[in-house]
Amino acid sequence: MIDYIIVPPPSDATDHRIFRYPYMSCQVFCCEIPELLQVFQDDSESHLLERLFSILHTKGQLDPYLAGYFEKTLGILFRRLTVPLMEYINRDGLRMLLLF
């Protein structure tokens, strides 16, 4: 689901891959299902958050649709998992990434 939000679709992708899958993935996160959010909290190595924030490594311009879904998903995570997300953001690696 994270990949649908952060990975631009290939040029020959169907409308479902371009519009529907990213939208539905974002909506699933927005449902704030406790078990789904718990997966982010239990990920001690922060692989899921690293994957989510990898959208910031995109070369060139971000896809406006995907950027919006990323922002909406991030808003949910901030609201429900404030402390784990802030701990992740305060790591040196991400601070350096944001300064590029």
Foldseek 3Di string as FASTA:
>chain_A
DLCLLQPQDDPPDDPCSHPVPLVVVLVVLVVVDVVVLVVCVPPPVNPVVCSLVCSLVDPDDRDVRSVVSSVSSVVSCCVPVVVVVVVVCPDPVNVVSVVD
